[in-house]
């Protein structure tokens, strides 16, 4: 199965839905503490195996990081573990700041 992505513009629409996908931020806690989207849950990449055990594999997830590289790797891993609806946030939080909400700090 090919990696699916969500663009910053897509997330702008998705986040308004009451049934929006869960946004999982895989950056390190210090990065998350600098800046994050309010609806994001922080599960650092090194702890991602907790997702494979404790999360619903049929639910929708969007995985975000700083630039989209770590989140793409995590999406691939989740798909290998049977997660059917894990999508990568293309360009990460940096793209969100550049394309949608410049009030979100860049680092």
PDB file of N, CA and C in Angstrom:
ATOM      1  N   UNK A   1       0.843  -1.174   0.000  1.00  0.00           N
ATOM      2  CA  UNK A   1       0.000   0.000   0.000  1.00  0.00           C
ATOM      3  C   UNK A   1       0.894   1.245   0.000  1.00  0.00           C
ATOM      4  N   UNK A   2       0.596   2.184  -0.861  1.00  0.00           N
ATOM      5  CA  UNK A   2       1.401   3.406  -0.984  1.00  0.00           C
ATOM      6  C   UNK A   2       1.097   4.371   0.159  1.00  0.00           C
ATOM      7  N   UNK A   3       2.098   5.126   0.509  1.00  0.00           N
ATOM      8  CA  UNK A   3       1.953   6.137   1.556  1.00  0.00           C
ATOM      9  C   UNK A   3       0.983   7.215   1.103  1.00  0.00           C
ATOM     10  N   UNK A   4      -0.012   7.483   1.913  1.00  0.00           N
ATOM     11  CA  UNK A   4      -0.979   8.542   1.617  1.00  0.00           C
ATOM     12  C   UNK A   4      -0.615   9.766   2.433  1.00  0.00           C
ATOM     13  N   UNK A   5      -0.882  10.948   1.870  1.00  0.00           N
ATOM     14  CA  UNK A   5      -0.531  12.188   2.549  1.00  0.00           C
ATOM     15  C   UNK A   5      -1.734  13.109   2.684  1.00  0.00           C
ATOM     16  N   UNK A   6      -1.621  13.971   3.670  1.00  0.00           N
ATOM     17  CA  UNK A   6      -2.583  15.032   3.916  1.00  0.00           C
ATOM     18  C   UNK A   6      -1.798  16.331   3.807  1.00  0.00           C
ATOM     19  N   UNK A   7      -2.253  17.239   2.975  1.00  0.00           N
ATOM     20  CA  UNK A   7      -1.576  18.523   2.840  1.00  0.00           C
ATOM     21  C   UNK A   7      -2.005  19.446   3.983  1.00  0.00           C
ATOM     22  N   UNK A   8      -1.258  20.515   4.227  1.00  0.00           N
ATOM     23  CA  UNK A   8      -1.704  21.485   5.231  1.00  0.00           C
ATOM     24  C   UNK A   8      -3.116  22.002   4.940  1.00  0.00           C
ATOM     25  N   UNK A   9      -3.428  22.264   3.685  1.00  0.00           N
ATOM     26  CA  UNK A   9      -4.778  22.731   3.334  1.00  0.00           C
ATOM     27  C   UNK A   9      -5.821  21.657   3.650  1.00  0.00           C
ATOM     28  N   UNK A  10      -5.493  20.390   3.372  1.00  0.00           N
ATOM     29  CA  UNK A  10      -6.400  19.286   3.710  1.00  0.00           C
ATOM     30  C   UNK A  10      -6.673  19.270   5.212  1.00  0.00           C
ATOM     31  N   UNK A  11      -5.595  19.405   6.018  1.00  0.00           N
ATOM     32  CA  UNK A  11      -5.776  19.354   7.465  1.00  0.00           C
ATOM     33  C   UNK A  11      -6.623  20.527   7.958  1.00  0.00           C
ATOM     34  N   UNK A  12      -6.492  21.663   7.321  1.00  0.00           N
ATOM     35  CA  UNK A  12      -7.290  22.827   7.687  1.00  0.00           C
ATOM     36  C   UNK A  12      -8.781  22.497   7.609  1.00  0.00           C
ATOM     37  N   UNK A  13      -9.158  21.702   6.631  1.00  0.00           N
ATOM     38  CA  UNK A  13     -10.547  21.265   6.481  1.00  0.00           C
ATOM     39  C   UNK A  13     -10.872  20.115   7.426  1.00  0.00           C
ATOM     40  N   UNK A  14      -9.992  19.117   7.483  1.00  0.00           N
ATOM     41  CA  UNK A  14     -10.236  17.925   8.314  1.00  0.00           C
ATOM     42  C   UNK A  14     -10.362  18.249   9.791  1.00  0.00           C
ATOM     43  N   UNK A  15      -9.564  19.181  10.277  1.00  0.00           N
ATOM     44  CA  UNK A  15      -9.538  19.464  11.721  1.00  0.00           C
ATOM     45  C   UNK A  15     -10.846  20.054  12.215  1.00  0.00           C
ATOM     46  N   UNK A  16     -11.646  20.600  11.308  1.00  0.00           N
ATOM     47  CA  UNK A  16     -12.929  21.192  11.685  1.00  0.00           C
ATOM     48  C   UNK A  16     -14.040  20.150  11.829  1.00  0.00           C
ATOM     49  N   UNK A  17     -13.787  18.948  11.335  1.00  0.00           N
ATOM     50  CA  UNK A  17     -14.808  17.899  11.412  1.00  0.00           C
ATOM     51  C   UNK A  17     -14.905  17.350  12.833  1.00  0.00           C
ATOM     52  N   UNK A  18     -16.105  17.085  13.304  1.00  0.00           N
ATOM     53  CA  UNK A  18     -16.229  16.469  14.637  1.00  0.00           C
ATOM     54  C   UNK A  18     -15.631  15.064  14.695  1.00  0.00           C
ATOM     55  N   UNK A  19     -15.572  14.395  13.557  1.00  0.00           N
ATOM     56  CA  UNK A  19     -15.003  13.040  13.492  1.00  0.00           C
ATOM     57  C   UNK A  19     -13.613  13.061  12.857  1.00  0.00           C
ATOM     58  N   UNK A  20     -12.864  14.135  13.107  1.00  0.00           N
ATOM     59  CA  UNK A  20     -11.543  14.269  12.472  1.00  0.00           C
ATOM     60  C   UNK A  20     -10.619  13.117  12.872  1.00  0.00           C
ATOM     61  N   UNK A  21      -9.652  12.829  12.008  1.00  0.00           N
ATOM     62  CA  UNK A  21      -8.651  11.823  12.365  1.00  0.00           C
ATOM     63  C   UNK A  21      -7.848  12.277  13.587  1.00  0.00           C
ATOM     64  N   UNK A  22      -7.279  11.327  14.287  1.00  0.00           N
ATOM     65  CA  UNK A  22      -6.391  11.666  15.403  1.00  0.00           C
ATOM     66  C   UNK A  22      -5.078  12.161  14.830  1.00  0.00           C
ATOM     67  N   UNK A  23      -4.618  13.299  15.327  1.00  0.00           N
ATOM     68  CA  UNK A  23      -3.348  13.876  14.890  1.00  0.00           C
ATOM     69  C   UNK A  23      -2.275  13.466  15.882  1.00  0.00           C
ATOM     70  N   UNK A  24      -1.328  12.662  15.424  1.00  0.00           N
ATOM     71  CA  UNK A  24      -0.250  12.160  16.266  1.00  0.00           C
ATOM     72  C   UNK A  24       1.037  12.873  15.871  1.00  0.00           C
ATOM     73  N   UNK A  25       1.620  13.589  16.816  1.00  0.00           N
ATOM     74  CA  UNK A  25       2.862  14.337  16.594  1.00  0.00           C
ATOM     75  C   UNK A  25       4.013  13.480  17.107  1.00  0.00           C
ATOM     76  N   UNK A  26       4.907  13.071  16.202  1.00  0.00           N
ATOM     77  CA  UNK A  26       5.973  12.139  16.563  1.00  0.00           C
ATOM     78  C   UNK A  26       7.305  12.830  16.867  1.00  0.00           C
ATOM     79  N   UNK A  27       7.280  14.151  17.032  1.00  0.00           N
ATOM     80  CA  UNK A  27       8.503  14.866  17.399  1.00  0.00           C
ATOM     81  C   UNK A  27       8.829  14.604  18.872  1.00  0.00           C
ATOM     82  N   UNK A  28      10.034  14.955  19.243  1.00  0.00           N
ATOM     83  CA  UNK A  28      10.476  14.789  20.627  1.00  0.00           C
ATOM     84  C   UNK A  28       9.704  15.760  21.532  1.00  0.00           C
ATOM     85  N   UNK A  29       9.566  15.432  22.818  1.00  0.00           N
ATOM     86  CA  UNK A  29       8.818  16.301  23.728  1.00  0.00           C
ATOM     87  C   UNK A  29       9.312  17.751  23.750  1.00  0.00           C
ATOM     88  N   UNK A  30      10.630  17.965  23.659  1.00  0.00           N
ATOM     89  CA  UNK A  30      11.119  19.343  23.685  1.00  0.00           C
ATOM     90  C   UNK A  30      10.638  20.114  22.458  1.00  0.00           C
ATOM     91  N   UNK A  31      10.517  19.431  21.310  1.00  0.00           N
ATOM     92  CA  UNK A  31      10.008  20.085  20.099  1.00  0.00           C
ATOM     93  C   UNK A  31       8.513  20.373  20.248  1.00  0.00           C
ATOM     94  N   UNK A  32       7.798  19.392  20.740  1.00  0.00           N
ATOM     95  CA  UNK A  32       6.362  19.529  20.959  1.00  0.00           C
ATOM     96  C   UNK A  32       6.088  20.690  21.914  1.00  0.00           C
ATOM     97  N   UNK A  33       6.903  20.820  22.958  1.00  0.00           N
ATOM     98  CA  UNK A  33       6.719  21.896  23.933  1.00  0.00           C
ATOM     99  C   UNK A  33       7.007  23.272  23.341  1.00  0.00           C
ATOM    100  N   UNK A  34       7.867  23.331  22.307  1.00  0.00           N
ATOM    101  CA  UNK A  34       8.127  24.607  21.630  1.00  0.00           C
ATOM    102  C   UNK A  34       6.881  25.099  20.904  1.00  0.00           C
ATOM    103  N   UNK A  35       6.287  24.198  20.141  1.00  0.00           N
ATOM    104  CA  UNK A  35       5.122  24.548  19.329  1.00  0.00           C
ATOM    105  C   UNK A  35       4.434  23.271  18.864  1.00  0.00           C
ATOM    106  N   UNK A  36       3.117  23.311  18.857  1.00  0.00           N
ATOM    107  CA  UNK A  36       2.346  22.180  18.342  1.00  0.00           C
ATOM    108  C   UNK A  36       0.928  22.655  18.033  1.00  0.00           C
ATOM    109  N   UNK A  37       0.233  21.871  17.262  1.00  0.00           N
ATOM    110  CA  UNK A  37      -1.173  22.147  17.014  1.00  0.00           C
ATOM    111  C   UNK A  37      -1.966  21.676  18.224  1.00  0.00           C
ATOM    112  N   UNK A  38      -2.968  22.439  18.640  1.00  0.00           N
ATOM    113  CA  UNK A  38      -3.667  22.116  19.888  1.00  0.00           C
ATOM    114  C   UNK A  38      -4.337  20.751  19.908  1.00  0.00           C
ATOM    115  N   UNK A  39      -4.708  20.237  18.762  1.00  0.00           N
ATOM    116  CA  UNK A  39      -5.390  18.942  18.716  1.00  0.00           C
ATOM    117  C   UNK A  39      -4.424  17.762  18.640  1.00  0.00           C
ATOM    118  N   UNK A  40      -3.133  18.039  18.604  1.00  0.00           N
ATOM    119  CA  UNK A  40      -2.131  16.976  18.445  1.00  0.00           C
ATOM    120  C   UNK A  40      -1.860  16.244  19.752  1.00  0.00           C
ATOM    121  N   UNK A  41      -1.610  14.944  19.631  1.00  0.00           N
ATOM    122  CA  UNK A  41      -1.159  14.107  20.740  1.00  0.00           C
ATOM    123  C   UNK A  41       0.317  13.829  20.505  1.00  0.00           C
ATOM    124  N   UNK A  42       1.136  13.995  21.506  1.00  0.00           N
ATOM    125  CA  UNK A  42       2.568  13.746  21.342  1.00  0.00           C
ATOM    126  C   UNK A  42       2.903  12.298  21.679  1.00  0.00           C
ATOM    127  N   UNK A  43       3.349  11.561  20.670  1.00  0.00           N
ATOM    128  CA  UNK A  43       3.873  10.209  20.828  1.00  0.00           C
ATOM    129  C   UNK A  43       5.205  10.207  20.082  1.00  0.00           C
ATOM    130  N   UNK A  44       6.321  10.473  20.784  1.00  0.00           N
ATOM    131  CA  UNK A  44       7.617  10.550  20.109  1.00  0.00           C
ATOM    132  C   UNK A  44       7.910   9.302  19.279  1.00  0.00           C
ATOM    133  N   UNK A  45       8.636   9.516  18.201  1.00  0.00           N
ATOM    134  CA  UNK A  45       8.940   8.425  17.270  1.00  0.00           C
ATOM    135  C   UNK A  45       9.516   7.199  17.986  1.00  0.00           C
ATOM    136  N   UNK A  46      10.365   7.418  18.972  1.00  0.00           N
ATOM    137  CA  UNK A  46      10.969   6.313  19.709  1.00  0.00           C
ATOM    138  C   UNK A  46       9.980   5.516  20.541  1.00  0.00           C
ATOM    139  N   UNK A  47       8.787   6.055  20.758  1.00  0.00           N
ATOM    140  CA  UNK A  47       7.759   5.366  21.547  1.00  0.00           C
ATOM    141  C   UNK A  47       6.602   4.889  20.678  1.00  0.00           C
ATOM    142  N   UNK A  48       6.807   4.883  19.377  1.00  0.00           N
ATOM    143  CA  UNK A  48       5.708   4.606  18.458  1.00  0.00           C
ATOM    144  C   UNK A  48       5.162   3.190  18.608  1.00  0.00           C
ATOM    145  N   UNK A  49       5.942   2.289  19.152  1.00  0.00           N
ATOM    146  CA  UNK A  49       5.422   0.932  19.329  1.00  0.00           C
ATOM    147  C   UNK A  49       4.232   0.895  20.271  1.00  0.00           C
ATOM    148  N   UNK A  50       4.095   1.919  21.123  1.00  0.00           N
ATOM    149  CA  UNK A  50       2.901   1.975  21.976  1.00  0.00           C
ATOM    150  C   UNK A  50       1.648   2.139  21.127  1.00  0.00           C
ATOM    151  N   UNK A  51       1.774   2.779  19.977  1.00  0.00           N
ATOM    152  CA  UNK A  51       0.630   2.904  19.066  1.00  0.00           C
ATOM    153  C   UNK A  51       0.230   1.557  18.505  1.00  0.00           C
ATOM    154  N   UNK A  52       1.210   0.731  18.212  1.00  0.00           N
ATOM    155  CA  UNK A  52       0.894  -0.546  17.585  1.00  0.00           C
ATOM    156  C   UNK A  52       0.153  -1.469  18.540  1.00  0.00           C
ATOM    157  N   UNK A  53       0.291  -1.235  19.835  1.00  0.00           N
ATOM    158  CA  UNK A  53      -0.367  -2.097  20.813  1.00  0.00           C
ATOM    159  C   UNK A  53      -1.664  -1.495  21.348  1.00  0.00           C
ATOM    160  N   UNK A  54      -1.689  -0.185  21.531  1.00  0.00           N
ATOM    161  CA  UNK A  54      -2.813   0.397  22.252  1.00  0.00           C
ATOM    162  C   UNK A  54      -3.815   1.196  21.449  1.00  0.00           C
ATOM    163  N   UNK A  55      -3.625   1.302  20.162  1.00  0.00           N
ATOM    164  CA  UNK A  55      -4.515   2.121  19.351  1.00  0.00           C
ATOM    165  C   UNK A  55      -5.318   1.262  18.376  1.00  0.00           C
ATOM    166  N   UNK A  56      -6.473   1.745  18.011  1.00  0.00           N
ATOM    167  CA  UNK A  56      -7.387   1.064  17.095  1.00  0.00           C
ATOM    168  C   UNK A  56      -6.819   1.097  15.672  1.00  0.00           C
ATOM    169  N   UNK A  57      -6.532  -0.050  15.120  1.00  0.00           N
ATOM    170  CA  UNK A  57      -5.918  -0.123  13.787  1.00  0.00           C
ATOM    171  C   UNK A  57      -6.872   0.269  12.666  1.00  0.00           C
ATOM    172  N   UNK A  58      -8.164   0.336  12.959  1.00  0.00           N
ATOM    173  CA  UNK A  58      -9.123   0.719  11.916  1.00  0.00           C
ATOM    174  C   UNK A  58      -9.473   2.208  11.959  1.00  0.00           C
ATOM    175  N   UNK A  59      -8.990   2.926  12.973  1.00  0.00           N
ATOM    176  CA  UNK A  59      -9.278   4.363  13.096  1.00  0.00           C
ATOM    177  C   UNK A  59      -8.415   5.157  12.112  1.00  0.00           C
ATOM    178  N   UNK A  60      -8.785   6.423  11.922  1.00  0.00           N
ATOM    179  CA  UNK A  60      -8.023   7.317  11.044  1.00  0.00           C
ATOM    180  C   UNK A  60      -6.986   8.077  11.856  1.00  0.00           C
ATOM    181  N   UNK A  61      -5.761   8.129  11.330  1.00  0.00           N
ATOM    182  CA  UNK A  61      -4.667   8.857  11.964  1.00  0.00           C
ATOM    183  C   UNK A  61      -3.957   9.717  10.932  1.00  0.00           C
ATOM    184  N   UNK A  62      -3.547  10.894  11.361  1.00  0.00           N
ATOM    185  CA  UNK A  62      -2.642  11.721  10.580  1.00  0.00           C
ATOM    186  C   UNK A  62      -1.405  11.888  11.446  1.00  0.00           C
ATOM    187  N   UNK A  63      -0.248  11.599  10.863  1.00  0.00           N
ATOM    188  CA  UNK A  63       1.008  11.633  11.596  1.00  0.00           C
ATOM    189  C   UNK A  63       1.795  12.860  11.145  1.00  0.00           C
ATOM    190  N   UNK A  64       2.235  13.659  12.127  1.00  0.00           N
ATOM    191  CA  UNK A  64       2.937  14.912  11.832  1.00  0.00           C
ATOM    192  C   UNK A  64       4.277  14.957  12.559  1.00  0.00           C
ATOM    193  N   UNK A  65       5.225  15.654  11.952  1.00  0.00           N
ATOM    194  CA  UNK A  65       6.505  15.936  12.597  1.00  0.00           C
ATOM    195  C   UNK A  65       6.936  17.336  12.158  1.00  0.00           C
ATOM    196  N   UNK A  66       8.216  17.622  12.163  1.00  0.00           N
ATOM    197  CA  UNK A  66       8.703  18.959  11.819  1.00  0.00           C
ATOM    198  C   UNK A  66       8.597  19.230  10.316  1.00  0.00           C
ATOM    199  N   UNK A  67       9.152  18.333   9.484  1.00  0.00           N
ATOM    200  CA  UNK A  67       9.155  18.541   8.039  1.00  0.00           C
ATOM    201  C   UNK A  67       8.498  17.417   7.244  1.00  0.00           C
ATOM    202  N   UNK A  68       8.041  16.373   7.883  1.00  0.00           N
ATOM    203  CA  UNK A  68       7.343  15.291   7.196  1.00  0.00           C
ATOM    204  C   UNK A  68       8.151  14.036   6.955  1.00  0.00           C
ATOM    205  N   UNK A  69       9.416  14.023   7.365  1.00  0.00           N
ATOM    206  CA  UNK A  69      10.262  12.844   7.129  1.00  0.00           C
ATOM    207  C   UNK A  69      10.017  11.778   8.196  1.00  0.00           C
ATOM    208  N   UNK A  70      10.119  12.163   9.463  1.00  0.00           N
ATOM    209  CA  UNK A  70       9.872  11.191  10.541  1.00  0.00           C
ATOM    210  C   UNK A  70       8.445  10.652  10.471  1.00  0.00           C
ATOM    211  N   UNK A  71       7.499  11.544  10.200  1.00  0.00           N
ATOM    212  CA  UNK A  71       6.104  11.104  10.140  1.00  0.00           C
ATOM    213  C   UNK A  71       5.883  10.129   8.984  1.00  0.00           C
ATOM    214  N   UNK A  72       6.562  10.316   7.858  1.00  0.00           N
ATOM    215  CA  UNK A  72       6.446   9.367   6.745  1.00  0.00           C
ATOM    216  C   UNK A  72       6.978   7.999   7.160  1.00  0.00           C
ATOM    217  N   UNK A  73       8.095   7.982   7.887  1.00  0.00           N
ATOM    218  CA  UNK A  73       8.651   6.713   8.367  1.00  0.00           C
ATOM    219  C   UNK A  73       7.695   6.023   9.332  1.00  0.00           C
ATOM    220  N   UNK A  74       7.096   6.803  10.217  1.00  0.00           N
ATOM    221  CA  UNK A  74       6.146   6.233  11.176  1.00  0.00           C
ATOM    222  C   UNK A  74       4.909   5.702  10.452  1.00  0.00           C
ATOM    223  N   UNK A  75       4.420   6.419   9.460  1.00  0.00           N
ATOM    224  CA  UNK A  75       3.275   5.931   8.683  1.00  0.00           C
ATOM    225  C   UNK A  75       3.584   4.589   8.038  1.00  0.00           C
ATOM    226  N   UNK A  76       4.757   4.472   7.454  1.00  0.00           N
ATOM    227  CA  UNK A  76       5.156   3.205   6.830  1.00  0.00           C
ATOM    228  C   UNK A  76       5.173   2.080   7.857  1.00  0.00           C
ATOM    229  N   UNK A  77       5.705   2.359   9.036  1.00  0.00           N
ATOM    230  CA  UNK A  77       5.730   1.358  10.104  1.00  0.00           C
ATOM    231  C   UNK A  77       4.321   0.972  10.524  1.00  0.00           C
ATOM    232  N   UNK A  78       3.461   1.962  10.729  1.00  0.00           N
ATOM    233  CA  UNK A  78       2.088   1.672  11.144  1.00  0.00           C
ATOM    234  C   UNK A  78       1.361   0.846  10.090  1.00  0.00           C
ATOM    235  N   UNK A  79       1.563   1.162   8.829  1.00  0.00           N
ATOM    236  CA  UNK A  79       0.932   0.382   7.765  1.00  0.00           C
ATOM    237  C   UNK A  79       1.432  -1.061   7.797  1.00  0.00           C
ATOM    238  N   UNK A  80       2.716  -1.253   8.078  1.00  0.00           N
ATOM    239  CA  UNK A  80       3.269  -2.605   8.181  1.00  0.00           C
ATOM    240  C   UNK A  80       2.645  -3.376   9.342  1.00  0.00           C
ATOM    241  N   UNK A  81       2.201  -2.644  10.368  1.00  0.00           N
ATOM    242  CA  UNK A  81       1.557  -3.267  11.522  1.00  0.00           C
ATOM    243  C   UNK A  81       0.046  -3.371  11.356  1.00  0.00           C
ATOM    244  N   UNK A  82      -0.465  -3.063  10.171  1.00  0.00           N
ATOM    245  CA  UNK A  82      -1.879  -3.267   9.894  1.00  0.00           C
ATOM    246  C   UNK A  82      -2.777  -2.068  10.078  1.00  0.00           C
ATOM    247  N   UNK A  83      -2.222  -0.896  10.301  1.00  0.00           N
ATOM    248  CA  UNK A  83      -3.048   0.310  10.387  1.00  0.00           C
ATOM    249  C   UNK A  83      -3.481   0.679   8.969  1.00  0.00           C
ATOM    250  N   UNK A  84      -4.788   0.722   8.746  1.00  0.00           N
ATOM    251  CA  UNK A  84      -5.327   0.920   7.399  1.00  0.00           C
ATOM    252  C   UNK A  84      -5.430   2.386   6.998  1.00  0.00           C
ATOM    253  N   UNK A  85      -5.519   3.286   7.977  1.00  0.00           N
ATOM    254  CA  UNK A  85      -5.809   4.685   7.676  1.00  0.00           C
ATOM    255  C   UNK A  85      -4.810   5.625   8.340  1.00  0.00           C
ATOM    256  N   UNK A  86      -3.532   5.367   8.167  1.00  0.00           N
ATOM    257  CA  UNK A  86      -2.482   6.255   8.672  1.00  0.00           C
ATOM    258  C   UNK A  86      -1.965   7.072   7.492  1.00  0.00           C
ATOM    259  N   UNK A  87      -2.035   8.399   7.634  1.00  0.00           N
ATOM    260  CA  UNK A  87      -1.588   9.285   6.554  1.00  0.00           C
ATOM    261  C   UNK A  87      -0.537  10.254   7.082  1.00  0.00           C
ATOM    262  N   UNK A  88       0.384  10.586   6.215  1.00  0.00           N
ATOM    263  CA  UNK A  88       1.470  11.497   6.548  1.00  0.00           C
ATOM    264  C   UNK A  88       1.032  12.943   6.335  1.00  0.00           C
ATOM    265  N   UNK A  89       1.374  13.823   7.270  1.00  0.00           N
ATOM    266  CA  UNK A  89       1.128  15.256   7.133  1.00  0.00           C
ATOM    267  C   UNK A  89       2.268  15.819   6.290  1.00  0.00           C
ATOM    268  N   UNK A  90       2.009  16.066   5.013  1.00  0.00           N
ATOM    269  CA  UNK A  90       3.040  16.490   4.062  1.00  0.00           C
ATOM    270  C   UNK A  90       3.669  17.814   4.478  1.00  0.00           C
ATOM    271  N   UNK A  91       4.992  17.819   4.596  1.00  0.00           N
ATOM    272  CA  UNK A  91       5.719  19.040   4.939  1.00  0.00           C
ATOM    273  C   UNK A  91       5.743  19.371   6.413  1.00  0.00           C
ATOM    274  N   UNK A  92       4.992  18.623   7.208  1.00  0.00           N
ATOM    275  CA  UNK A  92       5.005  18.780   8.653  1.00  0.00           C
ATOM    276  C   UNK A  92       4.524  20.133   9.166  1.00  0.00           C
ATOM    277  N   UNK A  93       4.855  20.364  10.422  1.00  0.00           N
ATOM    278  CA  UNK A  93       4.444  21.591  11.096  1.00  0.00           C
ATOM    279  C   UNK A  93       5.033  22.819  10.414  1.00  0.00           C
ATOM    280  N   UNK A  94       6.213  22.677   9.828  1.00  0.00           N
ATOM    281  CA  UNK A  94       6.829  23.794   9.125  1.00  0.00           C
ATOM    282  C   UNK A  94       5.956  24.224   7.933  1.00  0.00           C
ATOM    283  N   UNK A  95       5.431  23.273   7.185  1.00  0.00           N
ATOM    284  CA  UNK A  95       4.561  23.594   6.053  1.00  0.00           C
ATOM    285  C   UNK A  95       3.259  24.230   6.533  1.00  0.00           C
ATOM    286  N   UNK A  96       2.730  23.759   7.650  1.00  0.00           N
ATOM    287  CA  UNK A  96       1.529  24.352   8.223  1.00  0.00           C
ATOM    288  C   UNK A  96       1.760  25.836   8.502  1.00  0.00           C
ATOM    289  N   UNK A  97       2.889  26.140   9.104  1.00  0.00           N
ATOM    290  CA  UNK A  97       3.219  27.521   9.439  1.00  0.00           C
ATOM    291  C   UNK A  97       3.394  28.369   8.174  1.00  0.00           C
ATOM    292  N   UNK A  98       4.061  27.823   7.180  1.00  0.00           N
ATOM    293  CA  UNK A  98       4.315  28.573   5.945  1.00  0.00           C
ATOM    294  C   UNK A  98       3.067  28.743   5.087  1.00  0.00           C
ATOM    295  N   UNK A  99       2.196  27.736   5.051  1.00  0.00           N
ATOM    296  CA  UNK A  99       1.096  27.725   4.090  1.00  0.00           C
ATOM    297  C   UNK A  99      -0.275  28.085   4.662  1.00  0.00           C
ATOM    298  N   UNK A 100      -0.472  27.836   5.961  1.00  0.00           N
ATOM    299  CA  UNK A 100      -1.811  28.006   6.529  1.00  0.00           C
ATOM    300  C   UNK A 100      -1.845  29.014   7.669  1.00  0.00           C
ATOM    301  N   UNK A 101      -0.972  28.837   8.654  1.00  0.00           N
ATOM    302  CA  UNK A 101      -1.055  29.653   9.861  1.00  0.00           C
ATOM    303  C   UNK A 101       0.317  30.181  10.261  1.00  0.00           C
ATOM    304  N   UNK A 102       0.686  31.379   9.763  1.00  0.00           N
ATOM    305  CA  UNK A 102       2.009  31.930  10.071  1.00  0.00           C
ATOM    306  C   UNK A 102       2.195  32.304  11.542  1.00  0.00           C
ATOM    307  N   UNK A 103       1.123  32.261  12.334  1.00  0.00           N
ATOM    308  CA  UNK A 103       1.280  32.531  13.771  1.00  0.00           C
ATOM    309  C   UNK A 103       1.927  31.354  14.498  1.00  0.00           C
ATOM    310  N   UNK A 104       1.964  30.176  13.856  1.00  0.00           N
ATOM    311  CA  UNK A 104       2.618  29.012  14.436  1.00  0.00           C
ATOM    312  C   UNK A 104       4.130  29.193  14.242  1.00  0.00           C
ATOM    313  N   UNK A 105       4.837  29.210  15.345  1.00  0.00           N
ATOM    314  CA  UNK A 105       6.285  29.471  15.314  1.00  0.00           C
ATOM    315  C   UNK A 105       7.021  28.425  14.504  1.00  0.00           C
ATOM    316  N   UNK A 106       8.043  28.879  13.789  1.00  0.00           N
ATOM    317  CA  UNK A 106       8.941  27.978  13.062  1.00  0.00           C
ATOM    318  C   UNK A 106      10.256  27.907  13.833  1.00  0.00           C
ATOM    319  N   UNK A 107      10.888  26.748  13.748  1.00  0.00           N
ATOM    320  CA  UNK A 107      12.183  26.589  14.420  1.00  0.00           C
ATOM    321  C   UNK A 107      13.128  25.801  13.574  1.00  0.00           C
TER     322      UNK A 107
END
